PDB file of N, CA and C in Angstrom:
ATOM      1  N   MET A   1       3.533  14.493 -11.473  1.00  0.00           N
ATOM      2  CA  MET A   1       2.176  14.080 -11.769  1.00  0.00           C
ATOM      3  C   MET A   1       1.615  13.322 -10.580  1.00  0.00           C
ATOM      4  N   LYS A   2       0.388  13.615 -10.245  1.00  0.00           N
ATOM      5  CA  LYS A   2      -0.247  13.011  -9.084  1.00  0.00           C
ATOM      6  C   LYS A   2      -0.696  11.578  -9.404  1.00  0.00           C
ATOM      7  N   LEU A   3      -0.554  10.701  -8.420  1.00  0.00           N
ATOM      8  CA  LEU A   3      -0.949   9.308  -8.584  1.00  0.00           C
ATOM      9  C   LEU A   3      -2.437   9.146  -8.321  1.00  0.00           C
ATOM     10  N   THR A   4      -3.063   8.220  -9.023  1.00  0.00           N
ATOM     11  CA  THR A   4      -4.470   7.917  -8.778  1.00  0.00           C
ATOM     12  C   THR A   4      -4.582   7.051  -7.527  1.00  0.00           C
ATOM     13  N   LYS A   5      -5.799   6.885  -7.071  1.00  0.00           N
ATOM     14  CA  LYS A   5      -6.035   6.081  -5.870  1.00  0.00           C
ATOM     15  C   LYS A   5      -5.579   4.637  -6.088  1.00  0.00           C
ATOM     16  N   VAL A   6      -5.877   4.092  -7.253  1.00  0.00           N
ATOM     17  CA  VAL A   6      -5.487   2.706  -7.547  1.00  0.00           C
ATOM     18  C   VAL A   6      -3.973   2.581  -7.608  1.00  0.00           C
ATOM     19  N   GLN A   7      -3.308   3.559  -8.213  1.00  0.00           N
ATOM     20  CA  GLN A   7      -1.850   3.517  -8.278  1.00  0.00           C
ATOM     21  C   GLN A   7      -1.241   3.604  -6.888  1.00  0.00           C
ATOM     22  N   ARG A   8      -1.808   4.452  -6.039  1.00  0.00           N
ATOM     23  CA  ARG A   8      -1.320   4.551  -4.662  1.00  0.00           C
ATOM     24  C   ARG A   8      -1.544   3.237  -3.912  1.00  0.00           C
ATOM     25  N   LEU A   9      -2.699   2.615  -4.121  1.00  0.00           N
ATOM     26  CA  LEU A   9      -2.973   1.325  -3.483  1.00  0.00           C
ATOM     27  C   LEU A   9      -1.995   0.259  -3.966  1.00  0.00           C
ATOM     28  N   MET A  10      -1.713   0.262  -5.258  1.00  0.00           N
ATOM     29  CA  MET A  10      -0.787  -0.728  -5.805  1.00  0.00           C
ATOM     30  C   MET A  10       0.623  -0.499  -5.266  1.00  0.00           C
ATOM     31  N   LEU A  11       1.042   0.742  -5.192  1.00  0.00           N
ATOM     32  CA  LEU A  11       2.367   1.063  -4.661  1.00  0.00           C
ATOM     33  C   LEU A  11       2.469   0.636  -3.202  1.00  0.00           C
ATOM     34  N   HIS A  12       1.428   0.926  -2.435  1.00  0.00           N
ATOM     35  CA  HIS A  12       1.424   0.543  -1.019  1.00  0.00           C
ATOM     36  C   HIS A  12       1.386  -0.980  -0.860  1.00  0.00           C
ATOM     37  N   SER A  13       0.581  -1.649  -1.666  1.00  0.00           N
ATOM     38  CA  SER A  13       0.494  -3.102  -1.544  1.00  0.00           C
ATOM     39  C   SER A  13       1.813  -3.762  -1.943  1.00  0.00           C
ATOM     40  N   LEU A  14       2.507  -3.209  -2.940  1.00  0.00           N
ATOM     41  CA  LEU A  14       3.822  -3.749  -3.299  1.00  0.00           C
ATOM     42  C   LEU A  14       4.807  -3.557  -2.145  1.00  0.00           C
ATOM     43  N   GLY A  15       4.756  -2.394  -1.510  1.00  0.00           N
ATOM     44  CA  GLY A  15       5.620  -2.150  -0.360  1.00  0.00           C
ATOM     45  C   GLY A  15       5.325  -3.098   0.789  1.00  0.00           C
ATOM     46  N   GLN A  16       4.045  -3.320   1.070  1.00  0.00           N
ATOM     47  CA  GLN A  16       3.674  -4.244   2.139  1.00  0.00           C
ATOM     48  C   GLN A  16       4.064  -5.677   1.798  1.00  0.00           C
ATOM     49  N   PHE A  17       3.905  -6.040   0.538  1.00  0.00           N
ATOM     50  CA  PHE A  17       4.277  -7.384   0.083  1.00  0.00           C
ATOM     51  C   PHE A  17       5.771  -7.606   0.288  1.00  0.00           C
ATOM     52  N   TYR A  18       6.594  -6.645  -0.149  1.00  0.00           N
ATOM     53  CA  TYR A  18       8.034  -6.779   0.036  1.00  0.00           C
ATOM     54  C   TYR A  18       8.414  -6.766   1.509  1.00  0.00           C
ATOM     55  N   ARG A  19       7.747  -5.940   2.294  1.00  0.00           N
ATOM     56  CA  ARG A  19       8.047  -5.887   3.723  1.00  0.00           C
ATOM     57  C   ARG A  19       7.741  -7.230   4.386  1.00  0.00           C
ATOM     58  N   SER A  20       6.626  -7.849   4.026  1.00  0.00           N
ATOM     59  CA  SER A  20       6.267  -9.127   4.643  1.00  0.00           C
ATOM     60  C   SER A  20       7.194 -10.249   4.189  1.00  0.00           C
ATOM     61  N   LEU A  21       7.660 -10.195   2.940  1.00  0.00           N
ATOM     62  CA  LEU A  21       8.566 -11.241   2.451  1.00  0.00           C
ATOM     63  C   LEU A  21       9.968 -11.086   3.008  1.00  0.00           C
ATOM     64  N   ASN A  22      10.447  -9.854   3.093  1.00  0.00           N
ATOM     65  CA  ASN A  22      11.835  -9.625   3.487  1.00  0.00           C
ATOM     66  C   ASN A  22      12.047  -9.575   4.987  1.00  0.00           C
ATOM     67  N   GLN A  23      10.973  -9.467   5.765  1.00  0.00           N
ATOM     68  CA  GLN A  23      11.125  -9.375   7.215  1.00  0.00           C
ATOM     69  C   GLN A  23      11.815 -10.600   7.815  1.00  0.00           C
ATOM     70  N   PRO A  24      11.448 -11.826   7.410  1.00  0.00           N
ATOM     71  CA  PRO A  24      12.157 -12.973   7.982  1.00  0.00           C
ATOM     72  C   PRO A  24      13.619 -13.039   7.534  1.00  0.00           C
ATOM     73  N   LEU A  25      13.993 -12.282   6.506  1.00  0.00           N
ATOM     74  CA  LEU A  25      15.343 -12.360   5.964  1.00  0.00           C
ATOM     75  C   LEU A  25      16.210 -11.181   6.390  1.00  0.00           C
ATOM     76  N   VAL A  26      15.833 -10.502   7.481  1.00  0.00           N
ATOM     77  CA  VAL A  26      16.546  -9.300   7.898  1.00  0.00           C
ATOM     78  C   VAL A  26      18.020  -9.581   8.168  1.00  0.00           C
ATOM     79  N   GLU A  27      18.333 -10.689   8.801  1.00  0.00           N
ATOM     80  CA  GLU A  27      19.717 -10.974   9.170  1.00  0.00           C
ATOM     81  C   GLU A  27      20.525 -11.553   8.014  1.00  0.00           C
ATOM     82  N   LYS A  28      19.871 -11.942   6.942  1.00  0.00           N
ATOM     83  CA  LYS A  28      20.563 -12.506   5.795  1.00  0.00           C
ATOM     84  C   LYS A  28      20.664 -11.451   4.702  1.00  0.00           C
ATOM     85  N   PRO A  29      21.730 -11.448   3.926  1.00  0.00           N
ATOM     86  CA  PRO A  29      21.898 -10.423   2.887  1.00  0.00           C
ATOM     87  C   PRO A  29      21.116 -10.742   1.611  1.00  0.00           C
ATOM     88  N   VAL A  30      19.871 -11.160   1.757  1.00  0.00           N
ATOM     89  CA  VAL A  30      19.055 -11.524   0.605  1.00  0.00           C
ATOM     90  C   VAL A  30      17.795 -10.666   0.609  1.00  0.00           C
ATOM     91  N   LEU A  31      17.455 -10.135  -0.544  1.00  0.00           N
ATOM     92  CA  LEU A  31      16.195  -9.411  -0.699  1.00  0.00           C
ATOM     93  C   LEU A  31      15.342 -10.146  -1.706  1.00  0.00           C
ATOM     94  N   VAL A  32      14.115 -10.406  -1.347  1.00  0.00           N
ATOM     95  CA  VAL A  32      13.201 -11.103  -2.232  1.00  0.00           C
ATOM     96  C   VAL A  32      12.516 -10.072  -3.126  1.00  0.00           C
ATOM     97  N   ARG A  33      12.416 -10.358  -4.398  1.00  0.00           N
ATOM     98  CA  ARG A  33      11.718  -9.517  -5.368  1.00  0.00           C
ATOM     99  C   ARG A  33      10.679 -10.360  -6.080  1.00  0.00           C
ATOM    100  N   THR A  34       9.748  -9.698  -6.740  1.00  0.00           N
ATOM    101  CA  THR A  34       8.698 -10.412  -7.447  1.00  0.00           C
ATOM    102  C   THR A  34       8.604  -9.911  -8.875  1.00  0.00           C
ATOM    103  N   SER A  35       8.019 -10.716  -9.712  1.00  0.00           N
ATOM    104  CA  SER A  35       7.793 -10.313 -11.100  1.00  0.00           C
ATOM    105  C   SER A  35       6.440  -9.627 -11.207  1.00  0.00           C
ATOM    106  N   LYS A  36       6.234  -8.957 -12.321  1.00  0.00           N
ATOM    107  CA  LYS A  36       4.970  -8.257 -12.565  1.00  0.00           C
ATOM    108  C   LYS A  36       3.806  -9.253 -12.578  1.00  0.00           C
ATOM    109  N   ILE A  37       4.002 -10.381 -13.216  1.00  0.00           N
ATOM    110  CA  ILE A  37       2.938 -11.382 -13.335  1.00  0.00           C
ATOM    111  C   ILE A  37       2.545 -11.928 -11.965  1.00  0.00           C
ATOM    112  N   ALA A  38       3.545 -12.282 -11.155  1.00  0.00           N
ATOM    113  CA  ALA A  38       3.262 -12.844  -9.822  1.00  0.00           C
ATOM    114  C   ALA A  38       2.557 -11.825  -8.937  1.00  0.00           C
ATOM    115  N   PHE A  39       2.968 -10.560  -9.014  1.00  0.00           N
ATOM    116  CA  PHE A  39       2.345  -9.524  -8.192  1.00  0.00           C
ATOM    117  C   PHE A  39       0.898  -9.284  -8.609  1.00  0.00           C
ATOM    118  N   ILE A  40       0.641  -9.246  -9.900  1.00  0.00           N
ATOM    119  CA  ILE A  40      -0.742  -9.037 -10.378  1.00  0.00           C
ATOM    120  C   ILE A  40      -1.624 -10.217 -10.002  1.00  0.00           C
ATOM    121  N   GLU A  41      -1.101 -11.433 -10.102  1.00  0.00           N
ATOM    122  CA  GLU A  41      -1.874 -12.604  -9.675  1.00  0.00           C
ATOM    123  C   GLU A  41      -2.208 -12.529  -8.191  1.00  0.00           C
ATOM    124  N   LEU A  42      -1.259 -12.053  -7.400  1.00  0.00           N
ATOM    125  CA  LEU A  42      -1.486 -11.894  -5.965  1.00  0.00           C
ATOM    126  C   LEU A  42      -2.589 -10.860  -5.698  1.00  0.00           C
ATOM    127  N   LEU A  43      -2.556  -9.736  -6.416  1.00  0.00           N
ATOM    128  CA  LEU A  43      -3.589  -8.709  -6.251  1.00  0.00           C
ATOM    129  C   LEU A  43      -4.963  -9.225  -6.671  1.00  0.00           C
ATOM    130  N   LEU A  44      -5.015  -9.964  -7.771  1.00  0.00           N
ATOM    131  CA  LEU A  44      -6.289 -10.520  -8.225  1.00  0.00           C
ATOM    132  C   LEU A  44      -6.839 -11.525  -7.215  1.00  0.00           C
ATOM    133  N   LYS A  45      -5.961 -12.329  -6.648  1.00  0.00           N
ATOM    134  CA  LYS A  45      -6.385 -13.322  -5.659  1.00  0.00           C
ATOM    135  C   LYS A  45      -6.917 -12.658  -4.390  1.00  0.00           C
ATOM    136  N   SER A  46      -6.323 -11.517  -4.018  1.00  0.00           N
ATOM    137  CA  SER A  46      -6.755 -10.831  -2.797  1.00  0.00           C
ATOM    138  C   SER A  46      -8.148 -10.231  -2.939  1.00  0.00           C
ATOM    139  N   GLN A  47      -8.558  -9.891  -4.148  1.00  0.00           N
ATOM    140  CA  GLN A  47      -9.855  -9.286  -4.451  1.00  0.00           C
ATOM    141  C   GLN A  47     -10.074  -7.966  -3.714  1.00  0.00           C
ATOM    142  N   LEU A  48      -8.992  -7.281  -3.342  1.00  0.00           N
ATOM    143  CA  LEU A  48      -9.098  -6.001  -2.660  1.00  0.00           C
ATOM    144  C   LEU A  48      -9.178  -4.846  -3.652  1.00  0.00           C
ATOM    145  N   LEU A  49      -8.639  -5.025  -4.827  1.00  0.00           N
ATOM    146  CA  LEU A  49      -8.766  -4.025  -5.883  1.00  0.00           C
ATOM    147  C   LEU A  49      -9.771  -4.543  -6.900  1.00  0.00           C
ATOM    148  N   ALA A  50     -10.809  -3.783  -7.113  1.00  0.00           N
ATOM    149  CA  ALA A  50     -11.870  -4.202  -8.033  1.00  0.00           C
ATOM    150  C   ALA A  50     -11.487  -3.819  -9.462  1.00  0.00           C
ATOM    151  N   LYS A  51     -10.373  -4.338  -9.914  1.00  0.00           N
ATOM    152  CA  LYS A  51      -9.882  -4.056 -11.259  1.00  0.00           C
ATOM    153  C   LYS A  51      -9.627  -5.368 -11.979  1.00  0.00           C
ATOM    154  N   HIS A  52      -9.710  -5.301 -13.300  1.00  0.00           N
ATOM    155  CA  HIS A  52      -9.386  -6.468 -14.104  1.00  0.00           C
ATOM    156  C   HIS A  52      -7.878  -6.549 -14.307  1.00  0.00           C
ATOM    157  N   GLU A  53      -7.443  -7.710 -14.761  1.00  0.00           N
ATOM    158  CA  GLU A  53      -6.020  -7.960 -14.916  1.00  0.00           C
ATOM    159  C   GLU A  53      -5.351  -6.927 -15.826  1.00  0.00           C
ATOM    160  N   ARG A  54      -5.983  -6.597 -16.935  1.00  0.00           N
ATOM    161  CA  ARG A  54      -5.395  -5.648 -17.879  1.00  0.00           C
ATOM    162  C   ARG A  54      -5.256  -4.255 -17.260  1.00  0.00           C
ATOM    163  N   ALA A  55      -6.235  -3.854 -16.457  1.00  0.00           N
ATOM    164  CA  ALA A  55      -6.174  -2.548 -15.799  1.00  0.00           C
ATOM    165  C   ALA A  55      -5.024  -2.505 -14.800  1.00  0.00           C
ATOM    166  N   LEU A  56      -4.772  -3.612 -14.123  1.00  0.00           N
ATOM    167  CA  LEU A  56      -3.650  -3.666 -13.181  1.00  0.00           C
ATOM    168  C   LEU A  56      -2.317  -3.557 -13.924  1.00  0.00           C
ATOM    169  N   TYR A  57      -2.229  -4.229 -15.081  1.00  0.00           N
ATOM    170  CA  TYR A  57      -1.020  -4.105 -15.904  1.00  0.00           C
ATOM    171  C   TYR A  57      -0.807  -2.657 -16.331  1.00  0.00           C
ATOM    172  N   LYS A  58      -1.871  -2.002 -16.766  1.00  0.00           N
ATOM    173  CA  LYS A  58      -1.778  -0.606 -17.209  1.00  0.00           C
ATOM    174  C   LYS A  58      -1.322   0.297 -16.056  1.00  0.00           C
ATOM    175  N   ASN A  59      -1.862   0.059 -14.867  1.00  0.00           N
ATOM    176  CA  ASN A  59      -1.461   0.866 -13.713  1.00  0.00           C
ATOM    177  C   ASN A  59       0.009   0.638 -13.368  1.00  0.00           C
ATOM    178  N   LEU A  60       0.485  -0.595 -13.464  1.00  0.00           N
ATOM    179  CA  LEU A  60       1.906  -0.854 -13.222  1.00  0.00           C
ATOM    180  C   LEU A  60       2.763  -0.177 -14.295  1.00  0.00           C
ATOM    181  N   GLU A  61       2.291  -0.202 -15.538  1.00  0.00           N
ATOM    182  CA  GLU A  61       3.025   0.478 -16.610  1.00  0.00           C
ATOM    183  C   GLU A  61       3.101   1.975 -16.348  1.00  0.00           C
ATOM    184  N   SER A  62       2.003   2.560 -15.900  1.00  0.00           N
ATOM    185  CA  SER A  62       2.014   3.999 -15.636  1.00  0.00           C
ATOM    186  C   SER A  62       2.908   4.337 -14.438  1.00  0.00           C
ATOM    187  N   LEU A  63       2.980   3.444 -13.445  1.00  0.00           N
ATOM    188  CA  LEU A  63       3.916   3.654 -12.334  1.00  0.00           C
ATOM    189  C   LEU A  63       5.361   3.602 -12.834  1.00  0.00           C
ATOM    190  N   GLY A  64       5.601   2.756 -13.819  1.00  0.00           N
ATOM    191  CA  GLY A  64       6.931   2.695 -14.417  1.00  0.00           C
ATOM    192  C   GLY A  64       7.243   3.955 -15.202  1.00  0.00           C
ATOM    193  N   LYS A  65       6.261   4.468 -15.946  1.00  0.00           N
ATOM    194  CA  LYS A  65       6.458   5.692 -16.722  1.00  0.00           C
ATOM    195  C   LYS A  65       6.682   6.902 -15.817  1.00  0.00           C
ATOM    196  N   GLN A  66       6.046   6.898 -14.654  1.00  0.00           N
ATOM    197  CA  GLN A  66       6.215   7.994 -13.695  1.00  0.00           C
ATOM    198  C   GLN A  66       7.458   7.805 -12.834  1.00  0.00           C
ATOM    199  N   ARG A  67       8.207   6.759 -13.123  1.00  0.00           N
ATOM    200  CA  ARG A  67       9.463   6.449 -12.439  1.00  0.00           C
ATOM    201  C   ARG A  67       9.280   6.200 -10.941  1.00  0.00           C
ATOM    202  N   MET A  68       8.185   5.535 -10.602  1.00  0.00           N
ATOM    203  CA  MET A  68       7.970   5.116  -9.221  1.00  0.00           C
ATOM    204  C   MET A  68       8.551   3.721  -8.996  1.00  0.00           C
ATOM    205  N   ILE A  69       8.495   2.906 -10.048  1.00  0.00           N
ATOM    206  CA  ILE A  69       9.067   1.560  -9.998  1.00  0.00           C
ATOM    207  C   ILE A  69       9.913   1.367 -11.247  1.00  0.00           C
ATOM    208  N   SER A  70      10.772   0.376 -11.196  1.00  0.00           N
ATOM    209  CA  SER A  70      11.550  -0.001 -12.369  1.00  0.00           C
ATOM    210  C   SER A  70      11.668  -1.516 -12.373  1.00  0.00           C
ATOM    211  N   TYR A  71      12.214  -2.023 -13.443  1.00  0.00           N
ATOM    212  CA  TYR A  71      12.340  -3.469 -13.585  1.00  0.00           C
ATOM    213  C   TYR A  71      13.813  -3.835 -13.713  1.00  0.00           C
ATOM    214  N   ASP A  72      14.230  -4.762 -12.875  1.00  0.00           N
ATOM    215  CA  ASP A  72      15.591  -5.268 -12.903  1.00  0.00           C
ATOM    216  C   ASP A  72      15.509  -6.767 -13.148  1.00  0.00           C
ATOM    217  N   ASN A  73      15.865  -7.210 -14.354  1.00  0.00           N
ATOM    218  CA  ASN A  73      15.721  -8.624 -14.752  1.00  0.00           C
ATOM    219  C   ASN A  73      14.288  -9.110 -14.564  1.00  0.00           C
ATOM    220  N   LYS A  74      13.335  -8.316 -15.028  1.00  0.00           N
ATOM    221  CA  LYS A  74      11.895  -8.612 -14.974  1.00  0.00           C
ATOM    222  C   LYS A  74      11.339  -8.644 -13.552  1.00  0.00           C
ATOM    223  N   MET A  75      12.107  -8.156 -12.588  1.00  0.00           N
ATOM    224  CA  MET A  75      11.647  -8.083 -11.205  1.00  0.00           C
ATOM    225  C   MET A  75      11.370  -6.626 -10.851  1.00  0.00           C
ATOM    226  N   ILE A  76      10.279  -6.394 -10.128  1.00  0.00           N
ATOM    227  CA  ILE A  76       9.870  -5.035  -9.781  1.00  0.00           C
ATOM    228  C   ILE A  76      10.739  -4.517  -8.639  1.00  0.00           C
ATOM    229  N   THR A  77      11.296  -3.336  -8.820  1.00  0.00           N
ATOM    230  CA  THR A  77      12.039  -2.672  -7.757  1.00  0.00           C
ATOM    231  C   THR A  77      11.526  -1.237  -7.621  1.00  0.00           C
ATOM    232  N   PHE A  78      11.631  -0.694  -6.433  1.00  0.00           N
ATOM    233  CA  PHE A  78      11.227   0.691  -6.200  1.00  0.00           C
ATOM    234  C   PHE A  78      12.342   1.623  -6.646  1.00  0.00           C
ATOM    235  N   SER A  79      11.957   2.726  -7.248  1.00  0.00           N
ATOM    236  CA  SER A  79      12.923   3.778  -7.538  1.00  0.00           C
ATOM    237  C   SER A  79      12.988   4.690  -6.323  1.00  0.00           C
ATOM    238  N   GLU A  80      13.872   5.661  -6.369  1.00  0.00           N
ATOM    239  CA  GLU A  80      13.981   6.601  -5.250  1.00  0.00           C
ATOM    240  C   GLU A  80      12.679   7.390  -5.083  1.00  0.00           C
ATOM    241  N   ASN A  81      12.082   7.818  -6.209  1.00  0.00           N
ATOM    242  CA  ASN A  81      10.795   8.532  -6.146  1.00  0.00           C
ATOM    243  C   ASN A  81       9.694   7.633  -5.599  1.00  0.00           C
ATOM    244  N   GLY A  82       9.723   6.366  -5.985  1.00  0.00           N
ATOM    245  CA  GLY A  82       8.730   5.420  -5.498  1.00  0.00           C
ATOM    246  C   GLY A  82       8.828   5.205  -4.000  1.00  0.00           C
ATOM    247  N   LEU A  83      10.056   5.139  -3.495  1.00  0.00           N
ATOM    248  CA  LEU A  83      10.245   4.982  -2.047  1.00  0.00           C
ATOM    249  C   LEU A  83       9.755   6.214  -1.292  1.00  0.00           C
ATOM    250  N   LYS A  84       9.996   7.409  -1.845  1.00  0.00           N
ATOM    251  CA  LYS A  84       9.512   8.635  -1.202  1.00  0.00           C
ATOM    252  C   LYS A  84       7.989   8.653  -1.167  1.00  0.00           C
ATOM    253  N   GLU A  85       7.366   8.293  -2.285  1.00  0.00           N
ATOM    254  CA  GLU A  85       5.906   8.266  -2.348  1.00  0.00           C
ATOM    255  C   GLU A  85       5.352   7.208  -1.400  1.00  0.00           C
ATOM    256  N   LEU A  86       6.017   6.072  -1.305  1.00  0.00           N
ATOM    257  CA  LEU A  86       5.592   5.012  -0.386  1.00  0.00           C
ATOM    258  C   LEU A  86       5.662   5.492   1.057  1.00  0.00           C
ATOM    259  N   GLN A  87       6.685   6.261   1.400  1.00  0.00           N
ATOM    260  CA  GLN A  87       6.784   6.811   2.755  1.00  0.00           C
ATOM    261  C   GLN A  87       5.654   7.793   3.026  1.00  0.00           C
ATOM    262  N   LYS A  88       5.294   8.612   2.038  1.00  0.00           N
ATOM    263  CA  LYS A  88       4.170   9.546   2.204  1.00  0.00           C
ATOM    264  C   LYS A  88       2.874   8.789   2.445  1.00  0.00           C
ATOM    265  N   ILE A  89       2.649   7.753   1.648  1.00  0.00           N
ATOM    266  CA  ILE A  89       1.426   6.952   1.781  1.00  0.00           C
ATOM    267  C   ILE A  89       1.388   6.277   3.143  1.00  0.00           C
ATOM    268  N   SER A  90       2.509   5.700   3.558  1.00  0.00           N
ATOM    269  CA  SER A  90       2.571   5.012   4.857  1.00  0.00           C
ATOM    270  C   SER A  90       2.321   5.984   6.001  1.00  0.00           C
ATOM    271  N   LYS A  91       2.857   7.197   5.897  1.00  0.00           N
ATOM    272  CA  LYS A  91       2.651   8.210   6.936  1.00  0.00           C
ATOM    273  C   LYS A  91       1.173   8.595   7.016  1.00  0.00           C
ATOM    274  N   GLU A  92       0.535   8.751   5.854  1.00  0.00           N
ATOM    275  CA  GLU A  92      -0.887   9.095   5.814  1.00  0.00           C
ATOM    276  C   GLU A  92      -1.736   7.983   6.418  1.00  0.00           C
ATOM    277  N   ILE A  93      -1.426   6.750   6.076  1.00  0.00           N
ATOM    278  CA  ILE A  93      -2.175   5.610   6.615  1.00  0.00           C
ATOM    279  C   ILE A  93      -1.949   5.492   8.114  1.00  0.00           C
ATOM    280  N   GLN A  94      -0.728   5.759   8.557  1.00  0.00           N
ATOM    281  CA  GLN A  94      -0.420   5.677   9.983  1.00  0.00           C
ATOM    282  C   GLN A  94      -1.245   6.673  10.792  1.00  0.00           C
ATOM    283  N   GLN A  95      -1.495   7.851  10.239  1.00  0.00           N
ATOM    284  CA  GLN A  95      -2.329   8.837  10.933  1.00  0.00           C
ATOM    285  C   GLN A  95      -3.743   8.296  11.140  1.00  0.00           C
ATOM    286  N   PHE A  96      -4.298   7.646  10.121  1.00  0.00           N
ATOM    287  CA  PHE A  96      -5.629   7.054  10.260  1.00  0.00           C
ATOM    288  C   PHE A  96      -5.625   5.937  11.300  1.00  0.00           C
ATOM    289  N   ASN A  97      -4.599   5.105  11.270  1.00  0.00           N
ATOM    290  CA  ASN A  97      -4.498   4.014  12.242  1.00  0.00           C
ATOM    291  C   ASN A  97      -4.331   4.545  13.662  1.00  0.00           C
ATOM    292  N   ASP A  98      -3.547   5.617  13.816  1.00  0.00           N
ATOM    293  CA  ASP A  98      -3.363   6.212  15.139  1.00  0.00           C
ATOM    294  C   ASP A  98      -4.669   6.780  15.683  1.00  0.00           C
ATOM    295  N   LEU A  99      -5.442   7.445  14.817  1.00  0.00           N
ATOM    296  CA  LEU A  99      -6.746   7.972  15.249  1.00  0.00           C
ATOM    297  C   LEU A  99      -7.690   6.850  15.658  1.00  0.00           C
ATOM    298  N   GLN A 100      -7.717   5.787  14.875  1.00  0.00           N
ATOM    299  CA  GLN A 100      -8.579   4.659  15.212  1.00  0.00           C
ATOM    300  C   GLN A 100      -8.165   4.059  16.551  1.00  0.00           C
ATOM    301  N   HIS A 101      -6.878   3.884  16.757  1.00  0.00           N
ATOM    302  CA  HIS A 101      -6.390   3.323  18.016  1.00  0.00           C
ATOM    303  C   HIS A 101      -6.716   4.254  19.186  1.00  0.00           C
ATOM    304  N   TYR A 102      -6.588   5.558  18.980  1.00  0.00           N
ATOM    305  CA  TYR A 102      -6.885   6.512  20.038  1.00  0.00           C
ATOM    306  C   TYR A 102      -8.337   6.401  20.487  1.00  0.00           C
ATOM    307  N   PHE A 103      -9.267   6.384  19.529  1.00  0.00           N
ATOM    308  CA  PHE A 103     -10.675   6.333  19.901  1.00  0.00           C
ATOM    309  C   PHE A 103     -11.090   4.983  20.469  1.00  0.00           C
ATOM    310  N   GLU A 104     -10.357   3.934  20.150  1.00  0.00           N
ATOM    311  CA  GLU A 104     -10.647   2.632  20.739  1.00  0.00           C
ATOM    312  C   GLU A 104     -10.172   2.558  22.186  1.00  0.00           C
ATOM    313  N   THR A 105      -9.097   3.278  22.517  1.00  0.00           N
ATOM    314  CA  THR A 105      -8.521   3.169  23.853  1.00  0.00           C
ATOM    315  C   THR A 105      -8.715   4.409  24.715  1.00  0.00           C
ATOM    316  N   ALA A 106      -9.240   5.485  24.158  1.00  0.00           N
ATOM    317  CA  ALA A 106      -9.364   6.748  24.897  1.00  0.00           C
ATOM    318  C   ALA A 106     -10.432   6.645  25.975  1.00  0.00           C
ATOM    319  N   GLU A 107     -10.236   7.462  26.995  1.00  0.00           N
ATOM    320  CA  GLU A 107     -11.241   7.539  28.052  1.00  0.00           C
ATOM    321  C   GLU A 107     -12.474   8.260  27.518  1.00  0.00           C
ATOM    322  N   LYS A 108     -13.578   7.944  28.090  1.00  0.00           N
ATOM    323  CA  LYS A 108     -14.812   8.608  27.691  1.00  0.00           C
ATOM    324  C   LYS A 108     -14.780  10.050  28.185  1.00  0.00           C
ATOM    325  N   PRO A 109     -15.398  10.966  27.459  1.00  0.00           N
ATOM    326  CA  PRO A 109     -15.391  12.368  27.888  1.00  0.00           C
ATOM    327  C   PRO A 109     -16.123  12.551  29.212  1.00  0.00           C
ATOM    328  N   LYS A 110     -15.723  13.559  29.964  1.00  0.00           N
ATOM    329  CA  LYS A 110     -16.343  13.812  31.272  1.00  0.00           C
ATOM    330  C   LYS A 110     -17.746  14.380  31.118  1.00  0.00           C
ATOM    331  N   ARG A 111     -17.984  15.066  30.030  1.00  0.00           N
ATOM    332  CA  ARG A 111     -19.330  15.585  29.785  1.00  0.00           C
ATOM    333  C   ARG A 111     -20.250  14.447  29.384  1.00  0.00           C
ATOM    334  N   LYS A 112     -21.509  14.618  29.691  1.00  0.00           N
ATOM    335  CA  LYS A 112     -22.476  13.617  29.281  1.00  0.00           C
ATOM    336  C   LYS A 112     -22.717  13.755  27.788  1.00  0.00           C
ATOM    337  N   LEU A 113     -22.794  12.632  27.127  1.00  0.00           N
ATOM    338  CA  LEU A 113     -23.069  12.625  25.694  1.00  0.00           C
ATOM    339  C   LEU A 113     -24.570  12.700  25.475  1.00  0.00           C
ATOM    340  N   GLN A 114     -24.958  13.455  24.486  1.00  0.00           N
ATOM    341  CA  GLN A 114     -26.384  13.619  24.191  1.00  0.00           C
ATOM    342  C   GLN A 114     -26.829  12.460  23.307  1.00  0.00           C
ATOM    343  N   THR A 115     -27.973  11.896  23.661  1.00  0.00           N
ATOM    344  CA  THR A 115     -28.547  10.801  22.896  1.00  0.00           C
ATOM    345  C   THR A 115     -29.827  11.296  22.252  1.00  0.00           C
ATOM    346  N   ILE A 116     -29.970  11.009  20.979  1.00  0.00           N
ATOM    347  CA  ILE A 116     -31.176  11.397  20.241  1.00  0.00           C
ATOM    348  C   ILE A 116     -31.765  10.135  19.641  1.00  0.00           C
ATOM    349  N   ILE A 117     -33.056   9.968  19.845  1.00  0.00           N
ATOM    350  CA  ILE A 117     -33.754   8.819  19.272  1.00  0.00           C
ATOM    351  C   ILE A 117     -34.521   9.329  18.059  1.00  0.00           C
ATOM    352  N   ARG A 118     -34.291   8.706  16.937  1.00  0.00           N
ATOM    353  CA  ARG A 118     -34.972   9.098  15.690  1.00  0.00           C
ATOM    354  C   ARG A 118     -35.965   8.016  15.293  1.00  0.00           C
ATOM    355  N   TYR A 119     -37.032   8.466  14.681  1.00  0.00           N
ATOM    356  CA  TYR A 119     -38.063   7.528  14.228  1.00  0.00           C
ATOM    357  C   TYR A 119     -37.930   7.233  12.782  1.00  0.00           C
TER     358      TYR A 119
END
């Protein structure tokens, strides 16, 4: 089943959240996990998803039903399918970031660009 845009955003944001928390702990054998409540509060505080709290809970529940995430002692963990989907999303986002970086640093074309003035 295909994920909705909000579900993909939530999956990606959970991955980024875990990546930012666990990065300082790379040399230590500890992985930080979060609860559903703490993650939803974080999303609401960010104001990046224009959803209400209940809608975010429903989206997390549907990610659980689709076996993208699971709960281990009330802590959210990625399933194997969730990690694969997260890699797909990250690859897609990376392509957009690479294009943006290319056009910011690319040389200007040798041909003259046409300018049109509109009224």
